[in-house]
All heavy atoms as atom14 arrays in JSON, in Angstrom:
{
  "sequence": "ILFFFKYGHFIAENWANIFGLVPASPDFWNQWLLPVGISFYTFQS",
  "atom14_mask": [
    [1, 1, 1, 1, 1, 1, 1, 1, 0, 0, 0, 0, 0, 0],
    [1, 1, 1, 1, 1, 1, 1, 1, 0, 0, 0, 0, 0, 0],
    [1, 1, 1, 1, 1, 1, 1, 1, 1, 1, 1, 0, 0, 0],
    [1, 1, 1, 1, 1, 1, 1, 1, 1, 1, 1, 0, 0, 0],
    [1, 1, 1, 1, 1, 1, 1, 1, 1, 1, 1, 0, 0, 0],
    [1, 1, 1, 1, 1, 1, 1, 1, 1, 0, 0, 0, 0, 0],
    [1, 1, 1, 1, 1, 1, 1, 1, 1, 1, 1, 1, 0, 0],
    [1, 1, 1, 1, 0, 0, 0, 0, 0, 0, 0, 0, 0, 0],
    [1, 1, 1, 1, 1, 1, 1, 1, 1, 1, 0, 0, 0, 0],
    [1, 1, 1, 1, 1, 1, 1, 1, 1, 1, 1, 0, 0, 0],
    [1, 1, 1, 1, 1, 1, 1, 1, 0, 0, 0, 0, 0, 0],
    [1, 1, 1, 1, 1, 0, 0, 0, 0, 0, 0, 0, 0, 0],
    [1, 1, 1, 1, 1, 1, 1, 1, 1, 0, 0, 0, 0, 0],
    [1, 1, 1, 1, 1, 1, 1, 1, 0, 0, 0, 0, 0, 0],
    [1, 1, 1, 1, 1, 1, 1, 1, 1, 1, 1, 1, 1, 1],
    [1, 1, 1, 1, 1, 0, 0, 0, 0, 0, 0, 0, 0, 0],
    [1, 1, 1, 1, 1, 1, 1, 1, 0, 0, 0, 0, 0, 0],
    [1, 1, 1, 1, 1, 1, 1, 1, 0, 0, 0, 0, 0, 0],
    [1, 1, 1, 1, 1, 1, 1, 1, 1, 1, 1, 0, 0, 0],
    [1, 1, 1, 1, 0, 0, 0, 0, 0, 0, 0, 0, 0, 0],
    [1, 1, 1, 1, 1, 1, 1, 1, 0, 0, 0, 0, 0, 0],
    [1, 1, 1, 1, 1, 1, 1, 0, 0, 0, 0, 0, 0, 0],
    [1, 1, 1, 1, 1, 1, 1, 0, 0, 0, 0, 0, 0, 0],
    [1, 1, 1, 1, 1, 0, 0, 0, 0, 0, 0, 0, 0, 0],
    [1, 1, 1, 1, 1, 1, 0, 0, 0, 0, 0, 0, 0, 0],
    [1, 1, 1, 1, 1, 1, 1, 0, 0, 0, 0, 0, 0, 0],
    [1, 1, 1, 1, 1, 1, 1, 1, 0, 0, 0, 0, 0, 0],
    [1, 1, 1, 1, 1, 1, 1, 1, 1, 1, 1, 0, 0, 0],
    [1, 1, 1, 1, 1, 1, 1, 1, 1, 1, 1, 1, 1, 1],
    [1, 1, 1, 1, 1, 1, 1, 1, 0, 0, 0, 0, 0, 0],
    [1, 1, 1, 1, 1, 1, 1, 1, 1, 0, 0, 0, 0, 0],
    [1, 1, 1, 1, 1, 1, 1, 1, 1, 1, 1, 1, 1, 1],
    [1, 1, 1, 1, 1, 1, 1, 1, 0, 0, 0, 0, 0, 0],
    [1, 1, 1, 1, 1, 1, 1, 1, 0, 0, 0, 0, 0, 0],
    [1, 1, 1, 1, 1, 1, 1, 0, 0, 0, 0, 0, 0, 0],
    [1, 1, 1, 1, 1, 1, 1, 0, 0, 0, 0, 0, 0, 0],
    [1, 1, 1, 1, 0, 0, 0, 0, 0, 0, 0, 0, 0, 0],
    [1, 1, 1, 1, 1, 1, 1, 1, 0, 0, 0, 0, 0, 0],
    [1, 1, 1, 1, 1, 1, 0, 0, 0, 0, 0, 0, 0, 0],
    [1, 1, 1, 1, 1, 1, 1, 1, 1, 1, 1, 0, 0, 0],
    [1, 1, 1, 1, 1, 1, 1, 1, 1, 1, 1, 1, 0, 0],
    [1, 1, 1, 1, 1, 1, 1, 0, 0, 0, 0, 0, 0, 0],
    [1, 1, 1, 1, 1, 1, 1, 1, 1, 1, 1, 0, 0, 0],
    [1, 1, 1, 1, 1, 1, 1, 1, 1, 0, 0, 0, 0, 0],
    [1, 1, 1, 1, 1, 1, 0, 0, 0, 0, 0, 0, 0, 0]
  ],
  "atom14_positions": [
    [[146.74, 117.83, 58.29], [146.91, 118.45, 56.97], [145.57, 118.62, 56.16], [145.3, 119.62, 55.47], [147.93, 117.47, 56.18], [149.31, 117.61, 56.71], [147.89, 117.89, 54.68], [150.24, 116.5, 56.15], [0.0, 0.0, 0.0], [0.0, 0.0, 0.0], [0.0, 0.0, 0.0], [0.0, 0.0, 0.0], [0.0, 0.0, 0.0], [0.0, 0.0, 0.0]],
    [[144.81, 117.55, 56.27], [143.51, 117.58, 55.51], [142.61, 118.79, 56.0], [142.02, 119.45, 55.21], [142.79, 116.22, 55.57], [141.37, 116.1, 54.93], [141.48, 116.23, 53.5], [140.79, 114.76, 55.35], [0.0, 0.0, 0.0], [0.0, 0.0, 0.0], [0.0, 0.0, 0.0], [0.0, 0.0, 0.0], [0.0, 0.0, 0.0], [0.0, 0.0, 0.0]],
    [[142.57, 118.79, 57.46], [141.77, 119.9, 57.98], [142.17, 121.26, 57.57], [141.42, 122.13, 57.39], [141.56, 119.61, 59.48], [140.39, 118.72, 59.81], [140.57, 117.37, 59.5], [139.25, 119.23, 60.55], [139.35, 116.6, 59.66], [138.29, 118.29, 60.77], [138.4, 117.03, 60.49], [0.0, 0.0, 0.0], [0.0, 0.0, 0.0], [0.0, 0.0, 0.0]],
    [[143.54, 121.55, 57.62], [143.94, 122.78, 57.39], [143.61, 123.27, 55.97], [143.19, 124.37, 55.7], [145.63, 122.8, 57.71], [146.05, 124.17, 57.36], [145.99, 125.29, 58.24], [146.72, 124.52, 56.1], [146.49, 126.53, 57.92], [147.2, 125.68, 55.8], [147.14, 126.75, 56.73], [0.0, 0.0, 0.0], [0.0, 0.0, 0.0], [0.0, 0.0, 0.0]],
    [[144.03, 122.4, 55.01], [143.92, 122.89, 53.54], [142.29, 122.79, 53.14], [142.0, 123.58, 52.35], [144.78, 122.01, 52.63], [146.18, 122.21, 52.76], [147.09, 121.67, 53.56], [146.65, 123.31, 51.97], [148.4, 121.85, 53.56], [148.09, 123.67, 51.96], [148.88, 122.88, 52.87], [0.0, 0.0, 0.0], [0.0, 0.0, 0.0], [0.0, 0.0, 0.0]],
    [[141.73, 121.87, 53.58], [140.3, 121.73, 53.18], [139.23, 122.33, 54.06], [138.17, 122.97, 53.47], [140.06, 120.22, 52.99], [138.77, 119.93, 52.17], [138.67, 118.5, 51.75], [137.43, 118.18, 50.76], [137.41, 116.91, 50.27], [0.0, 0.0, 0.0], [0.0, 0.0, 0.0], [0.0, 0.0, 0.0], [0.0, 0.0, 0.0], [0.0, 0.0, 0.0]],
    [[139.46, 122.37, 55.29], [138.34, 122.94, 56.18], [138.86, 124.2, 57.04], [138.04, 124.62, 57.8], [137.99, 121.76, 57.1], [137.51, 120.49, 56.37], [138.26, 119.25, 56.35], [136.22, 120.48, 55.66], [137.9, 118.25, 55.63], [135.91, 119.36, 54.96], [136.79, 118.19, 54.95], [136.26, 117.07, 54.21], [0.0, 0.0, 0.0], [0.0, 0.0, 0.0]],
    [[140.11, 124.52, 56.81], [140.56, 125.64, 57.7], [139.74, 126.85, 57.54], [139.38, 127.39, 58.66], [0.0, 0.0, 0.0], [0.0, 0.0, 0.0], [0.0, 0.0, 0.0], [0.0, 0.0, 0.0], [0.0, 0.0, 0.0], [0.0, 0.0, 0.0], [0.0, 0.0, 0.0], [0.0, 0.0, 0.0], [0.0, 0.0, 0.0], [0.0, 0.0, 0.0]],
    [[139.52, 127.31, 56.46], [138.58, 128.6, 56.28], [137.23, 128.33, 56.81], [136.58, 129.1, 57.57], [138.53, 128.88, 54.82], [137.88, 130.18, 54.49], [137.28, 130.52, 53.33], [137.63, 131.26, 55.37], [136.86, 131.79, 53.45], [136.89, 132.17, 54.57], [0.0, 0.0, 0.0], [0.0, 0.0, 0.0], [0.0, 0.0, 0.0], [0.0, 0.0, 0.0]],
    [[136.67, 127.15, 56.64], [135.31, 126.9, 57.02], [135.26, 126.88, 58.55], [134.33, 127.45, 59.21], [134.86, 125.48, 56.51], [133.57, 125.01, 57.01], [132.35, 125.49, 56.55], [133.5, 123.82, 57.81], [131.17, 124.99, 56.93], [132.28, 123.34, 58.2], [131.13, 123.9, 57.78], [0.0, 0.0, 0.0], [0.0, 0.0, 0.0], [0.0, 0.0, 0.0]],
    [[136.2, 126.11, 59.18], [136.26, 126.08, 60.64], [136.44, 127.45, 61.34], [135.67, 127.82, 62.25], [137.3, 125.0, 61.19], [137.02, 123.71, 60.59], [137.53, 125.18, 62.66], [138.11, 122.74, 61.0], [0.0, 0.0, 0.0], [0.0, 0.0, 0.0], [0.0, 0.0, 0.0], [0.0, 0.0, 0.0], [0.0, 0.0, 0.0], [0.0, 0.0, 0.0]],
    [[137.45, 128.22, 60.79], [137.74, 129.46, 61.43], [136.5, 130.44, 61.25], [136.24, 131.2, 62.11], [138.95, 130.12, 60.56], [0.0, 0.0, 0.0], [0.0, 0.0, 0.0], [0.0, 0.0, 0.0], [0.0, 0.0, 0.0], [0.0, 0.0, 0.0], [0.0, 0.0, 0.0], [0.0, 0.0, 0.0], [0.0, 0.0, 0.0], [0.0, 0.0, 0.0]],
    [[135.83, 130.36, 60.07], [134.69, 131.32, 59.88], [133.6, 130.97, 60.82], [133.02, 131.81, 61.44], [134.18, 131.05, 58.41], [133.23, 132.22, 58.03], [132.74, 132.0, 56.45], [132.07, 131.12, 56.19], [133.35, 132.73, 55.61], [0.0, 0.0, 0.0], [0.0, 0.0, 0.0], [0.0, 0.0, 0.0], [0.0, 0.0, 0.0], [0.0, 0.0, 0.0]],
    [[133.34, 129.71, 61.0], [132.28, 129.37, 62.04], [132.59, 129.61, 63.28], [131.72, 130.0, 64.19], [131.78, 127.78, 61.75], [130.97, 127.54, 60.42], [129.8, 127.73, 60.49], [131.52, 127.28, 59.36], [0.0, 0.0, 0.0], [0.0, 0.0, 0.0], [0.0, 0.0, 0.0], [0.0, 0.0, 0.0], [0.0, 0.0, 0.0], [0.0, 0.0, 0.0]],
    [[133.79, 129.35, 63.69], [134.26, 129.54, 65.07], [134.18, 131.09, 65.35], [133.68, 131.46, 66.37], [135.7, 129.15, 65.15], [136.27, 129.22, 66.6], [136.91, 130.36, 67.13], [136.29, 128.2, 67.51], [137.3, 130.02, 68.39], [136.92, 128.75, 68.58], [135.87, 126.86, 67.57], [137.1, 127.95, 69.88], [136.06, 126.12, 68.71], [136.68, 126.79, 69.87]],
    [[134.54, 131.98, 64.35], [134.27, 133.38, 64.62], [132.92, 133.83, 64.71], [132.56, 134.68, 65.58], [135.02, 134.17, 63.38], [0.0, 0.0, 0.0], [0.0, 0.0, 0.0], [0.0, 0.0, 0.0], [0.0, 0.0, 0.0], [0.0, 0.0, 0.0], [0.0, 0.0, 0.0], [0.0, 0.0, 0.0], [0.0, 0.0, 0.0], [0.0, 0.0, 0.0]],
    [[132.06, 133.2, 64.05], [130.65, 133.57, 63.96], [130.08, 133.1, 65.38], [129.11, 133.81, 65.98], [129.93, 132.91, 62.91], [130.23, 133.61, 61.53], [130.59, 134.62, 61.53], [130.06, 132.8, 60.55], [0.0, 0.0, 0.0], [0.0, 0.0, 0.0], [0.0, 0.0, 0.0], [0.0, 0.0, 0.0], [0.0, 0.0, 0.0], [0.0, 0.0, 0.0]],
    [[130.48, 132.05, 65.92], [129.91, 131.5, 67.09], [130.29, 132.36, 68.39], [129.51, 132.68, 69.19], [130.38, 130.02, 67.39], [129.59, 129.01, 66.38], [130.0, 129.5, 68.81], [130.16, 127.63, 66.26], [0.0, 0.0, 0.0], [0.0, 0.0, 0.0], [0.0, 0.0, 0.0], [0.0, 0.0, 0.0], [0.0, 0.0, 0.0], [0.0, 0.0, 0.0]],
    [[131.54, 132.78, 68.38], [132.02, 133.39, 69.54], [132.09, 135.0, 69.2], [132.78, 135.62, 69.98], [133.51, 132.84, 69.9], [133.35, 131.51, 70.35], [133.63, 130.44, 69.64], [132.93, 131.16, 71.77], [133.57, 129.14, 70.07], [132.9, 129.98, 72.17], [133.07, 128.82, 71.37], [0.0, 0.0, 0.0], [0.0, 0.0, 0.0], [0.0, 0.0, 0.0]],
    [[131.7, 135.46, 68.07], [131.84, 136.9, 67.83], [133.12, 137.33, 67.65], [133.39, 138.65, 67.89], [0.0, 0.0, 0.0], [0.0, 0.0, 0.0], [0.0, 0.0, 0.0], [0.0, 0.0, 0.0], [0.0, 0.0, 0.0], [0.0, 0.0, 0.0], [0.0, 0.0, 0.0], [0.0, 0.0, 0.0], [0.0, 0.0, 0.0], [0.0, 0.0, 0.0]],
    [[133.99, 136.67, 67.04], [135.36, 137.05, 66.85], [135.53, 137.59, 65.38], [134.64, 137.46, 64.53], [136.36, 135.91, 67.06], [136.28, 135.21, 68.35], [137.18, 133.97, 68.31], [136.65, 136.07, 69.5], [0.0, 0.0, 0.0], [0.0, 0.0, 0.0], [0.0, 0.0, 0.0], [0.0, 0.0, 0.0], [0.0, 0.0, 0.0], [0.0, 0.0, 0.0]],
    [[136.68, 138.26, 65.1], [136.84, 138.83, 63.89], [137.58, 137.68, 63.0], [138.6, 137.19, 63.3], [137.81, 140.02, 63.89], [138.02, 140.48, 62.44], [137.16, 141.18, 64.7], [0.0, 0.0, 0.0], [0.0, 0.0, 0.0], [0.0, 0.0, 0.0], [0.0, 0.0, 0.0], [0.0, 0.0, 0.0], [0.0, 0.0, 0.0], [0.0, 0.0, 0.0]],
    [[136.85, 137.22, 61.92], [137.47, 136.19, 61.11], [138.76, 136.59, 60.49], [139.06, 137.77, 60.22], [136.34, 135.86, 60.15], [135.53, 137.21, 59.89], [135.61, 137.88, 61.32], [0.0, 0.0, 0.0], [0.0, 0.0, 0.0], [0.0, 0.0, 0.0], [0.0, 0.0, 0.0], [0.0, 0.0, 0.0], [0.0, 0.0, 0.0], [0.0, 0.0, 0.0]],
    [[139.64, 135.61, 60.15], [140.84, 135.9, 59.4], [140.54, 136.46, 58.06], [139.48, 136.24, 57.36], [141.7, 134.55, 59.28], [0.0, 0.0, 0.0], [0.0, 0.0, 0.0], [0.0, 0.0, 0.0], [0.0, 0.0, 0.0], [0.0, 0.0, 0.0], [0.0, 0.0, 0.0], [0.0, 0.0, 0.0], [0.0, 0.0, 0.0], [0.0, 0.0, 0.0]],
    [[141.48, 137.23, 57.66], [141.33, 138.0, 56.34], [141.13, 136.88, 55.27], [141.92, 135.93, 55.3], [142.49, 138.89, 56.02], [142.52, 139.27, 54.64], [0.0, 0.0, 0.0], [0.0, 0.0, 0.0], [0.0, 0.0, 0.0], [0.0, 0.0, 0.0], [0.0, 0.0, 0.0], [0.0, 0.0, 0.0], [0.0, 0.0, 0.0], [0.0, 0.0, 0.0]],
    [[140.37, 136.98, 54.22], [140.17, 136.04, 53.12], [141.55, 135.84, 52.35], [141.8, 134.85, 51.84], [139.18, 136.72, 52.18], [138.33, 137.56, 53.06], [139.23, 138.05, 54.2], [0.0, 0.0, 0.0], [0.0, 0.0, 0.0], [0.0, 0.0, 0.0], [0.0, 0.0, 0.0], [0.0, 0.0, 0.0], [0.0, 0.0, 0.0], [0.0, 0.0, 0.0]],
    [[142.27, 136.96, 52.47], [143.6, 136.86, 51.57], [144.51, 135.74, 52.33], [145.28, 135.16, 51.49], [144.28, 138.17, 51.69], [143.64, 139.33, 50.95], [142.9, 138.85, 49.97], [143.78, 140.52, 51.2], [0.0, 0.0, 0.0], [0.0, 0.0, 0.0], [0.0, 0.0, 0.0], [0.0, 0.0, 0.0], [0.0, 0.0, 0.0], [0.0, 0.0, 0.0]],
    [[144.4, 135.57, 53.66], [145.13, 134.58, 54.26], [144.8, 133.24, 53.73], [145.69, 132.44, 53.45], [144.92, 134.64, 55.68], [145.51, 133.51, 56.5], [147.0, 133.45, 56.75], [144.88, 132.39, 56.91], [147.47, 132.49, 57.45], [145.5, 131.22, 57.67], [146.72, 131.36, 57.84], [0.0, 0.0, 0.0], [0.0, 0.0, 0.0], [0.0, 0.0, 0.0]],
    [[143.48, 132.92, 53.61], [143.14, 131.61, 53.19], [143.27, 131.34, 51.67], [143.45, 130.35, 51.08], [141.67, 131.35, 53.56], [141.58, 131.18, 55.09], [140.96, 132.14, 55.94], [141.97, 130.14, 55.98], [141.04, 131.66, 57.23], [141.68, 130.49, 57.26], [142.67, 128.96, 55.72], [142.04, 129.72, 58.29], [142.97, 128.08, 56.69], [142.65, 128.5, 57.97]],
    [[143.13, 132.53, 50.94], [143.23, 132.42, 49.5], [144.58, 132.01, 48.98], [144.77, 131.61, 47.82], [142.83, 133.79, 48.85], [141.36, 134.08, 48.81], [140.57, 133.24, 49.17], [140.91, 135.33, 48.81], [0.0, 0.0, 0.0], [0.0, 0.0, 0.0], [0.0, 0.0, 0.0], [0.0, 0.0, 0.0], [0.0, 0.0, 0.0], [0.0, 0.0, 0.0]],
    [[145.57, 132.21, 49.83], [146.92, 131.86, 49.34], [147.25, 130.4, 49.48], [148.19, 129.8, 48.94], [147.93, 132.68, 50.17], [147.95, 132.21, 51.73], [148.89, 133.04, 52.58], [149.96, 133.18, 52.11], [148.61, 133.39, 53.74], [0.0, 0.0, 0.0], [0.0, 0.0, 0.0], [0.0, 0.0, 0.0], [0.0, 0.0, 0.0], [0.0, 0.0, 0.0]],
    [[146.22, 129.55, 50.2], [146.5, 128.21, 50.25], [145.31, 127.55, 49.4], [144.24, 127.48, 49.66], [146.23, 127.83, 51.75], [147.06, 128.39, 52.83], [146.76, 129.4, 53.47], [148.42, 128.05, 52.99], [147.91, 129.8, 54.3], [148.85, 129.01, 54.0], [149.31, 127.2, 52.46], [150.15, 128.87, 54.49], [150.68, 127.03, 52.96], [151.07, 127.98, 53.95]],
    [[145.9, 127.14, 48.35], [145.03, 126.35, 47.36], [144.7, 124.91, 47.97], [145.43, 124.33, 48.77], [145.64, 126.12, 45.99], [146.16, 127.48, 45.21], [146.97, 126.98, 44.03], [144.87, 128.18, 44.88], [0.0, 0.0, 0.0], [0.0, 0.0, 0.0], [0.0, 0.0, 0.0], [0.0, 0.0, 0.0], [0.0, 0.0, 0.0], [0.0, 0.0, 0.0]],
    [[143.57, 124.45, 47.58], [143.15, 123.18, 47.95], [144.02, 122.07, 47.05], [143.72, 121.96, 45.93], [141.61, 122.93, 47.69], [141.11, 121.44, 48.02], [141.26, 121.12, 49.52], [139.67, 121.37, 47.74], [0.0, 0.0, 0.0], [0.0, 0.0, 0.0], [0.0, 0.0, 0.0], [0.0, 0.0, 0.0], [0.0, 0.0, 0.0], [0.0, 0.0, 0.0]],
    [[144.82, 121.23, 47.7], [145.58, 120.27, 46.93], [144.65, 119.28, 46.26], [143.91, 118.59, 46.85], [146.43, 119.7, 47.99], [146.67, 120.7, 49.08], [145.36, 121.43, 49.14], [0.0, 0.0, 0.0], [0.0, 0.0, 0.0], [0.0, 0.0, 0.0], [0.0, 0.0, 0.0], [0.0, 0.0, 0.0], [0.0, 0.0, 0.0], [0.0, 0.0, 0.0]],
    [[144.91, 119.12, 44.96], [144.14, 118.11, 44.29], [144.36, 116.67, 44.86], [145.49, 116.21, 45.07], [144.45, 118.09, 42.84], [143.86, 116.98, 42.04], [144.19, 119.4, 42.16], [0.0, 0.0, 0.0], [0.0, 0.0, 0.0], [0.0, 0.0, 0.0], [0.0, 0.0, 0.0], [0.0, 0.0, 0.0], [0.0, 0.0, 0.0], [0.0, 0.0, 0.0]],
    [[143.16, 115.92, 45.09], [143.33, 114.58, 45.47], [143.67, 114.44, 46.92], [143.85, 113.18, 47.35], [0.0, 0.0, 0.0], [0.0, 0.0, 0.0], [0.0, 0.0, 0.0], [0.0, 0.0, 0.0], [0.0, 0.0, 0.0], [0.0, 0.0, 0.0], [0.0, 0.0, 0.0], [0.0, 0.0, 0.0], [0.0, 0.0, 0.0], [0.0, 0.0, 0.0]],
    [[143.72, 115.43, 47.75], [144.16, 115.3, 49.06], [143.2, 114.49, 49.92], [143.65, 113.78, 50.75], [144.28, 116.74, 49.85], [145.04, 116.61, 51.15], [142.86, 117.39, 49.93], [145.35, 117.89, 51.84], [0.0, 0.0, 0.0], [0.0, 0.0, 0.0], [0.0, 0.0, 0.0], [0.0, 0.0, 0.0], [0.0, 0.0, 0.0], [0.0, 0.0, 0.0]],
    [[141.94, 114.49, 49.73], [140.97, 113.62, 50.34], [141.18, 112.1, 50.09], [140.87, 111.35, 50.91], [139.48, 113.98, 49.89], [139.19, 115.34, 50.28], [0.0, 0.0, 0.0], [0.0, 0.0, 0.0], [0.0, 0.0, 0.0], [0.0, 0.0, 0.0], [0.0, 0.0, 0.0], [0.0, 0.0, 0.0], [0.0, 0.0, 0.0], [0.0, 0.0, 0.0]],
    [[141.63, 111.87, 48.85], [141.79, 110.43, 48.5], [143.14, 109.84, 49.12], [143.16, 108.78, 49.7], [141.8, 110.38, 46.96], [140.6, 110.6, 46.39], [140.15, 111.9, 46.05], [139.56, 109.55, 46.3], [138.86, 112.06, 45.31], [138.31, 109.82, 45.63], [137.97, 111.16, 45.22], [0.0, 0.0, 0.0], [0.0, 0.0, 0.0], [0.0, 0.0, 0.0]],
    [[144.24, 110.64, 48.91], [145.56, 110.03, 49.39], [145.65, 110.11, 50.92], [146.33, 109.21, 51.56], [146.72, 110.57, 48.62], [147.19, 112.05, 48.96], [147.6, 112.39, 50.12], [147.04, 112.89, 48.01], [148.04, 113.62, 50.4], [147.37, 114.35, 48.21], [147.95, 114.63, 49.38], [148.37, 115.92, 49.68], [0.0, 0.0, 0.0], [0.0, 0.0, 0.0]],
    [[145.08, 111.04, 51.57], [145.02, 110.97, 53.05], [144.24, 109.77, 53.55], [144.7, 109.15, 54.56], [144.59, 112.25, 53.59], [143.38, 112.62, 53.03], [145.54, 113.36, 53.44], [0.0, 0.0, 0.0], [0.0, 0.0, 0.0], [0.0, 0.0, 0.0], [0.0, 0.0, 0.0], [0.0, 0.0, 0.0], [0.0, 0.0, 0.0], [0.0, 0.0, 0.0]],
    [[143.07, 109.45, 53.0], [142.37, 108.42, 53.39], [143.02, 107.09, 53.09], [142.91, 106.14, 53.97], [140.89, 108.52, 52.68], [139.81, 109.12, 53.4], [140.14, 110.24, 54.24], [138.58, 108.83, 53.42], [139.14, 110.97, 54.95], [137.55, 109.4, 54.12], [137.79, 110.54, 54.9], [0.0, 0.0, 0.0], [0.0, 0.0, 0.0], [0.0, 0.0, 0.0]],
    [[143.6, 106.99, 52.14], [144.45, 105.74, 51.81], [145.54, 105.54, 52.73], [145.76, 104.42, 53.33], [145.16, 105.77, 50.34], [143.96, 105.64, 49.28], [144.5, 105.67, 47.88], [143.79, 105.75, 46.93], [145.77, 105.49, 47.68], [0.0, 0.0, 0.0], [0.0, 0.0, 0.0], [0.0, 0.0, 0.0], [0.0, 0.0, 0.0], [0.0, 0.0, 0.0]],
    [[146.33, 106.66, 53.04], [147.38, 106.49, 54.08], [146.83, 106.14, 55.58], [147.36, 105.44, 56.16], [148.16, 107.78, 54.13], [149.45, 107.64, 54.65], [0.0, 0.0, 0.0], [0.0, 0.0, 0.0], [0.0, 0.0, 0.0], [0.0, 0.0, 0.0], [0.0, 0.0, 0.0], [0.0, 0.0, 0.0], [0.0, 0.0, 0.0], [0.0, 0.0, 0.0]]
  ]
}
């Protein structure tokens, strides 16, 4: 959950750059907001 919402765009973009792939459309990632406090409550759990 943490990686998808917080690092999904970052991982997909770097993965595409490394292997010469077409990155996902920014519109796909823009529809997923970063949930407030997700880093804190996932670490606590």
